[in-house]
Structure formats: C-alpha cells, structure tokens
PDB file of N, CA and C in Angstrom:
ATOM      1  N   UNK A   1      21.301  -6.595  -2.565  1.00  0.00           N
ATOM      2  CA  UNK A   1      22.209  -7.635  -3.007  1.00  0.00           C
ATOM      3  C   UNK A   1      21.413  -8.911  -3.273  1.00  0.00           C
ATOM      4  N   UNK A   2      21.737  -9.565  -4.375  1.00  0.00           N
ATOM      5  CA  UNK A   2      21.029 -10.776  -4.770  1.00  0.00           C
ATOM      6  C   UNK A   2      21.727 -11.994  -4.175  1.00  0.00           C
ATOM      7  N   UNK A   3      21.020 -12.734  -3.351  1.00  0.00           N
ATOM      8  CA  UNK A   3      21.598 -13.882  -2.646  1.00  0.00           C
ATOM      9  C   UNK A   3      21.093 -15.209  -3.198  1.00  0.00           C
ATOM     10  N   UNK A   4      20.895 -15.295  -4.514  1.00  0.00           N
ATOM     11  CA  UNK A   4      20.390 -16.540  -5.085  1.00  0.00           C
ATOM     12  C   UNK A   4      21.349 -17.703  -4.871  1.00  0.00           C
ATOM     13  N   UNK A   5      22.636 -17.452  -4.915  1.00  0.00           N
ATOM     14  CA  UNK A   5      23.623 -18.507  -4.677  1.00  0.00           C
ATOM     15  C   UNK A   5      23.539 -19.064  -3.268  1.00  0.00           C
ATOM     16  N   UNK A   6      23.333 -18.190  -2.303  1.00  0.00           N
ATOM     17  CA  UNK A   6      23.210 -18.622  -0.911  1.00  0.00           C
ATOM     18  C   UNK A   6      21.940 -19.446  -0.736  1.00  0.00           C
ATOM     19  N   UNK A   7      20.869 -19.040  -1.399  1.00  0.00           N
ATOM     20  CA  UNK A   7      19.619 -19.787  -1.320  1.00  0.00           C
ATOM     21  C   UNK A   7      19.773 -21.185  -1.922  1.00  0.00           C
ATOM     22  N   UNK A   8      20.466 -21.275  -3.036  1.00  0.00           N
ATOM     23  CA  UNK A   8      20.689 -22.574  -3.678  1.00  0.00           C
ATOM     24  C   UNK A   8      21.549 -23.465  -2.793  1.00  0.00           C
ATOM     25  N   UNK A   9      22.602 -22.928  -2.229  1.00  0.00           N
ATOM     26  CA  UNK A   9      23.473 -23.703  -1.337  1.00  0.00           C
ATOM     27  C   UNK A   9      22.695 -24.179  -0.113  1.00  0.00           C
ATOM     28  N   UNK A  10      21.813 -23.332   0.393  1.00  0.00           N
ATOM     29  CA  UNK A  10      21.034 -23.700   1.567  1.00  0.00           C
ATOM     30  C   UNK A  10      20.148 -24.909   1.288  1.00  0.00           C
ATOM     31  N   UNK A  11      19.476 -24.911   0.146  1.00  0.00           N
ATOM     32  CA  UNK A  11      18.627 -26.049  -0.185  1.00  0.00           C
ATOM     33  C   UNK A  11      19.435 -27.254  -0.630  1.00  0.00           C
ATOM     34  N   UNK A  12      20.565 -27.039  -1.276  1.00  0.00           N
ATOM     35  CA  UNK A  12      21.396 -28.159  -1.720  1.00  0.00           C
ATOM     36  C   UNK A  12      22.179 -28.777  -0.570  1.00  0.00           C
ATOM     37  N   UNK A  13      22.136 -28.165   0.585  1.00  0.00           N
ATOM     38  CA  UNK A  13      22.867 -28.702   1.733  1.00  0.00           C
ATOM     39  C   UNK A  13      22.289 -30.017   2.230  1.00  0.00           C
ATOM     40  N   UNK A  14      21.190 -30.460   1.664  1.00  0.00           N
ATOM     41  CA  UNK A  14      20.597 -31.748   2.039  1.00  0.00           C
ATOM     42  C   UNK A  14      21.584 -32.880   1.821  1.00  0.00           C
ATOM     43  N   UNK A  15      22.538 -32.687   0.949  1.00  0.00           N
ATOM     44  CA  UNK A  15      23.493 -33.735   0.618  1.00  0.00           C
ATOM     45  C   UNK A  15      24.727 -33.742   1.512  1.00  0.00           C
ATOM     46  N   UNK A  16      25.025 -32.632   2.198  1.00  0.00           N
ATOM     47  CA  UNK A  16      26.266 -32.605   2.986  1.00  0.00           C
ATOM     48  C   UNK A  16      26.108 -32.112   4.419  1.00  0.00           C
ATOM     49  N   UNK A  17      25.176 -31.268   4.731  1.00  0.00           N
ATOM     50  CA  UNK A  17      24.957 -30.818   6.119  1.00  0.00           C
ATOM     51  C   UNK A  17      23.547 -30.255   6.219  1.00  0.00           C
ATOM     52  N   UNK A  18      22.527 -31.114   6.244  1.00  0.00           N
ATOM     53  CA  UNK A  18      21.155 -30.643   6.097  1.00  0.00           C
ATOM     54  C   UNK A  18      20.633 -29.764   7.226  1.00  0.00           C
ATOM     55  N   UNK A  19      21.168 -29.866   8.415  1.00  0.00           N
ATOM     56  CA  UNK A  19      20.674 -29.057   9.529  1.00  0.00           C
ATOM     57  C   UNK A  19      21.606 -27.872   9.797  1.00  0.00           C
ATOM     58  N   UNK A  20      22.878 -28.097   9.675  1.00  0.00           N
ATOM     59  CA  UNK A  20      23.874 -27.093  10.044  1.00  0.00           C
ATOM     60  C   UNK A  20      23.894 -25.887   9.104  1.00  0.00           C
ATOM     61  N   UNK A  21      23.886 -26.114   7.814  1.00  0.00           N
ATOM     62  CA  UNK A  21      24.006 -25.007   6.851  1.00  0.00           C
ATOM     63  C   UNK A  21      22.824 -24.035   6.935  1.00  0.00           C
ATOM     64  N   UNK A  22      21.563 -24.513   6.962  1.00  0.00           N
ATOM     65  CA  UNK A  22      20.482 -23.528   7.089  1.00  0.00           C
ATOM     66  C   UNK A  22      20.532 -22.722   8.387  1.00  0.00           C
ATOM     67  N   UNK A  23      20.973 -23.336   9.477  1.00  0.00           N
ATOM     68  CA  UNK A  23      21.091 -22.593  10.737  1.00  0.00           C
ATOM     69  C   UNK A  23      22.158 -21.509  10.615  1.00  0.00           C
ATOM     70  N   UNK A  24      23.292 -21.848  10.031  1.00  0.00           N
ATOM     71  CA  UNK A  24      24.376 -20.871   9.863  1.00  0.00           C
ATOM     72  C   UNK A  24      23.933 -19.728   8.963  1.00  0.00           C
ATOM     73  N   UNK A  25      23.281 -20.066   7.845  1.00  0.00           N
ATOM     74  CA  UNK A  25      22.802 -19.020   6.934  1.00  0.00           C
ATOM     75  C   UNK A  25      21.775 -18.139   7.637  1.00  0.00           C
ATOM     76  N   UNK A  26      20.866 -18.750   8.386  1.00  0.00           N
ATOM     77  CA  UNK A  26      19.834 -17.983   9.082  1.00  0.00           C
ATOM     78  C   UNK A  26      20.447 -17.022  10.103  1.00  0.00           C
ATOM     79  N   UNK A  27      21.518 -17.454  10.762  1.00  0.00           N
ATOM     80  CA  UNK A  27      22.149 -16.599  11.765  1.00  0.00           C
ATOM     81  C   UNK A  27      23.018 -15.501  11.163  1.00  0.00           C
ATOM     82  N   UNK A  28      23.661 -15.760  10.033  1.00  0.00           N
ATOM     83  CA  UNK A  28      24.651 -14.825   9.512  1.00  0.00           C
ATOM     84  C   UNK A  28      24.135 -13.840   8.471  1.00  0.00           C
ATOM     85  N   UNK A  29      23.123 -14.204   7.717  1.00  0.00           N
ATOM     86  CA  UNK A  29      22.657 -13.350   6.622  1.00  0.00           C
ATOM     87  C   UNK A  29      21.636 -12.351   7.146  1.00  0.00           C
ATOM     88  N   UNK A  30      21.704 -11.135   6.636  1.00  0.00           N
ATOM     89  CA  UNK A  30      20.787 -10.100   7.110  1.00  0.00           C
ATOM     90  C   UNK A  30      19.590  -9.894   6.182  1.00  0.00           C
ATOM     91  N   UNK A  31      19.632 -10.435   4.972  1.00  0.00           N
ATOM     92  CA  UNK A  31      18.537 -10.284   4.018  1.00  0.00           C
ATOM     93  C   UNK A  31      17.320 -11.091   4.472  1.00  0.00           C
ATOM     94  N   UNK A  32      16.171 -10.449   4.508  1.00  0.00           N
ATOM     95  CA  UNK A  32      14.963 -11.089   5.038  1.00  0.00           C
ATOM     96  C   UNK A  32      14.502 -12.278   4.198  1.00  0.00           C
ATOM     97  N   UNK A  33      14.556 -12.165   2.872  1.00  0.00           N
ATOM     98  CA  UNK A  33      14.103 -13.262   2.022  1.00  0.00           C
ATOM     99  C   UNK A  33      15.042 -14.460   2.112  1.00  0.00           C
ATOM    100  N   UNK A  34      16.331 -14.222   2.276  1.00  0.00           N
ATOM    101  CA  UNK A  34      17.286 -15.316   2.429  1.00  0.00           C
ATOM    102  C   UNK A  34      17.099 -16.005   3.773  1.00  0.00           C
ATOM    103  N   UNK A  35      16.817 -15.236   4.820  1.00  0.00           N
ATOM    104  CA  UNK A  35      16.529 -15.831   6.132  1.00  0.00           C
ATOM    105  C   UNK A  35      15.284 -16.705   6.062  1.00  0.00           C
ATOM    106  N   UNK A  36      14.274 -16.229   5.359  1.00  0.00           N
ATOM    107  CA  UNK A  36      13.049 -17.000   5.201  1.00  0.00           C
ATOM    108  C   UNK A  36      13.319 -18.307   4.457  1.00  0.00           C
ATOM    109  N   UNK A  37      14.121 -18.245   3.408  1.00  0.00           N
ATOM    110  CA  UNK A  37      14.457 -19.437   2.642  1.00  0.00           C
ATOM    111  C   UNK A  37      15.272 -20.414   3.482  1.00  0.00           C
ATOM    112  N   UNK A  38      16.178 -19.912   4.307  1.00  0.00           N
ATOM    113  CA  UNK A  38      16.968 -20.777   5.184  1.00  0.00           C
ATOM    114  C   UNK A  38      16.079 -21.466   6.208  1.00  0.00           C
ATOM    115  N   UNK A  39      15.109 -20.750   6.751  1.00  0.00           N
ATOM    116  CA  UNK A  39      14.179 -21.343   7.702  1.00  0.00           C
ATOM    117  C   UNK A  39      13.300 -22.401   7.033  1.00  0.00           C
ATOM    118  N   UNK A  40      12.870 -22.145   5.809  1.00  0.00           N
ATOM    119  CA  UNK A  40      12.104 -23.137   5.063  1.00  0.00           C
ATOM    120  C   UNK A  40      12.929 -24.390   4.813  1.00  0.00           C
ATOM    121  N   UNK A  41      14.187 -24.204   4.432  1.00  0.00           N
ATOM    122  CA  UNK A  41      15.059 -25.357   4.188  1.00  0.00           C
ATOM    123  C   UNK A  41      15.290 -26.138   5.473  1.00  0.00           C
ATOM    124  N   UNK A  42      15.496 -25.444   6.566  1.00  0.00           N
ATOM    125  CA  UNK A  42      15.700 -26.115   7.851  1.00  0.00           C
ATOM    126  C   UNK A  42      14.478 -26.937   8.246  1.00  0.00           C
ATOM    127  N   UNK A  43      13.304 -26.354   8.145  1.00  0.00           N
ATOM    128  CA  UNK A  43      12.086 -27.084   8.477  1.00  0.00           C
ATOM    129  C   UNK A  43      11.870 -28.269   7.549  1.00  0.00           C
ATOM    130  N   UNK A  44      12.184 -28.106   6.269  1.00  0.00           N
ATOM    131  CA  UNK A  44      12.065 -29.211   5.321  1.00  0.00           C
ATOM    132  C   UNK A  44      12.992 -30.355   5.697  1.00  0.00           C
ATOM    133  N   UNK A  45      14.243 -30.046   6.008  1.00  0.00           N
ATOM    134  CA  UNK A  45      15.216 -31.080   6.355  1.00  0.00           C
ATOM    135  C   UNK A  45      14.845 -31.778   7.664  1.00  0.00           C
ATOM    136  N   UNK A  46      14.352 -31.030   8.628  1.00  0.00           N
ATOM    137  CA  UNK A  46      13.939 -31.628   9.899  1.00  0.00           C
ATOM    138  C   UNK A  46      12.739 -32.546   9.684  1.00  0.00           C
ATOM    139  N   UNK A  47      11.752 -32.085   8.924  1.00  0.00           N
ATOM    140  CA  UNK A  47      10.574 -32.911   8.670  1.00  0.00           C
ATOM    141  C   UNK A  47      10.925 -34.172   7.892  1.00  0.00           C
ATOM    142  N   UNK A  48      11.807 -34.062   6.924  1.00  0.00           N
ATOM    143  CA  UNK A  48      12.219 -35.243   6.168  1.00  0.00           C
ATOM    144  C   UNK A  48      12.964 -36.222   7.066  1.00  0.00           C
ATOM    145  N   UNK A  49      13.774 -35.727   7.971  1.00  0.00           N
ATOM    146  CA  UNK A  49      14.479 -36.603   8.905  1.00  0.00           C
ATOM    147  C   UNK A  49      13.497 -37.332   9.814  1.00  0.00           C
ATOM    148  N   UNK A  50      12.482 -36.618  10.289  1.00  0.00           N
ATOM    149  CA  UNK A  50      11.468 -37.245  11.136  1.00  0.00           C
ATOM    150  C   UNK A  50      10.700 -38.304  10.357  1.00  0.00           C
ATOM    151  N   UNK A  51      10.292 -37.987   9.137  1.00  0.00           N
ATOM    152  CA  UNK A  51       9.539 -38.945   8.327  1.00  0.00           C
ATOM    153  C   UNK A  51      10.377 -40.173   7.973  1.00  0.00           C
ATOM    154  N   UNK A  52      11.640 -39.976   7.681  1.00  0.00           N
ATOM    155  CA  UNK A  52      12.523 -41.115   7.404  1.00  0.00           C
ATOM    156  C   UNK A  52      12.682 -41.972   8.646  1.00  0.00           C
ATOM    157  N   UNK A  53      12.807 -41.332   9.798  1.00  0.00           N
ATOM    158  CA  UNK A  53      12.909 -42.077  11.054  1.00  0.00           C
ATOM    159  C   UNK A  53      11.663 -42.889  11.339  1.00  0.00           C
ATOM    160  N   UNK A  54      10.494 -42.305  11.092  1.00  0.00           N
ATOM    161  CA  UNK A  54       9.237 -43.028  11.302  1.00  0.00           C
ATOM    162  C   UNK A  54       9.127 -44.204  10.341  1.00  0.00           C
ATOM    163  N   UNK A  55       9.470 -43.979   9.075  1.00  0.00           N
ATOM    164  CA  UNK A  55       9.392 -45.074   8.122  1.00  0.00           C
ATOM    165  C   UNK A  55      10.401 -46.170   8.438  1.00  0.00           C
ATOM    166  N   UNK A  56      11.556 -45.786   8.948  1.00  0.00           N
ATOM    167  CA  UNK A  56      12.540 -46.800   9.358  1.00  0.00           C
ATOM    168  C   UNK A  56      12.026 -47.595  10.541  1.00  0.00           C
ATOM    169  N   UNK A  57      11.339 -46.931  11.454  1.00  0.00           N
ATOM    170  CA  UNK A  57      10.799 -47.596  12.636  1.00  0.00           C
ATOM    171  C   UNK A  57       9.742 -48.639  12.261  1.00  0.00           C
ATOM    172  N   UNK A  58       8.885 -48.322  11.310  1.00  0.00           N
ATOM    173  CA  UNK A  58       7.813 -49.230  10.923  1.00  0.00           C
ATOM    174  C   UNK A  58       8.222 -50.271   9.882  1.00  0.00           C
ATOM    175  N   UNK A  59       9.402 -50.162   9.336  1.00  0.00           N
ATOM    176  CA  UNK A  59       9.807 -51.160   8.330  1.00  0.00           C
ATOM    177  C   UNK A  59      10.597 -52.292   8.910  1.00  0.00           C
TER     178      UNK A  59
END
C-alpha cells in the first residue's frame, strides 16, 4: 500500500501539531518506510523547536 499521503501529512504537521502527529503515525502505521518518515519528521520538529528556543534565549 502506498502511504504517500500519510507521509505528506506527517511532514506538513509542522503547522498544526508538530510533535503529536508524527508520534501517532509512528505508533499506528505498520509500513516500515512510513514509520521511518514519521521518525524523521519528529526529530526534525524537535530539533527545530530546540533551535528556536536557543535563538529566543540569546535574542
């Protein structure tokens, strides 16, 4: 089954639920490539949040 829509939603979740959606997708989907993409999106969103926090702290 092709899960391109789920992958797009996972990365586009930066605008509405950047941490929650990748975790839900990672837990519920059984496709290995989609799980990998959800984990990548989660790590990206977490790192961006940390970097934004650091830049806010120093500004």
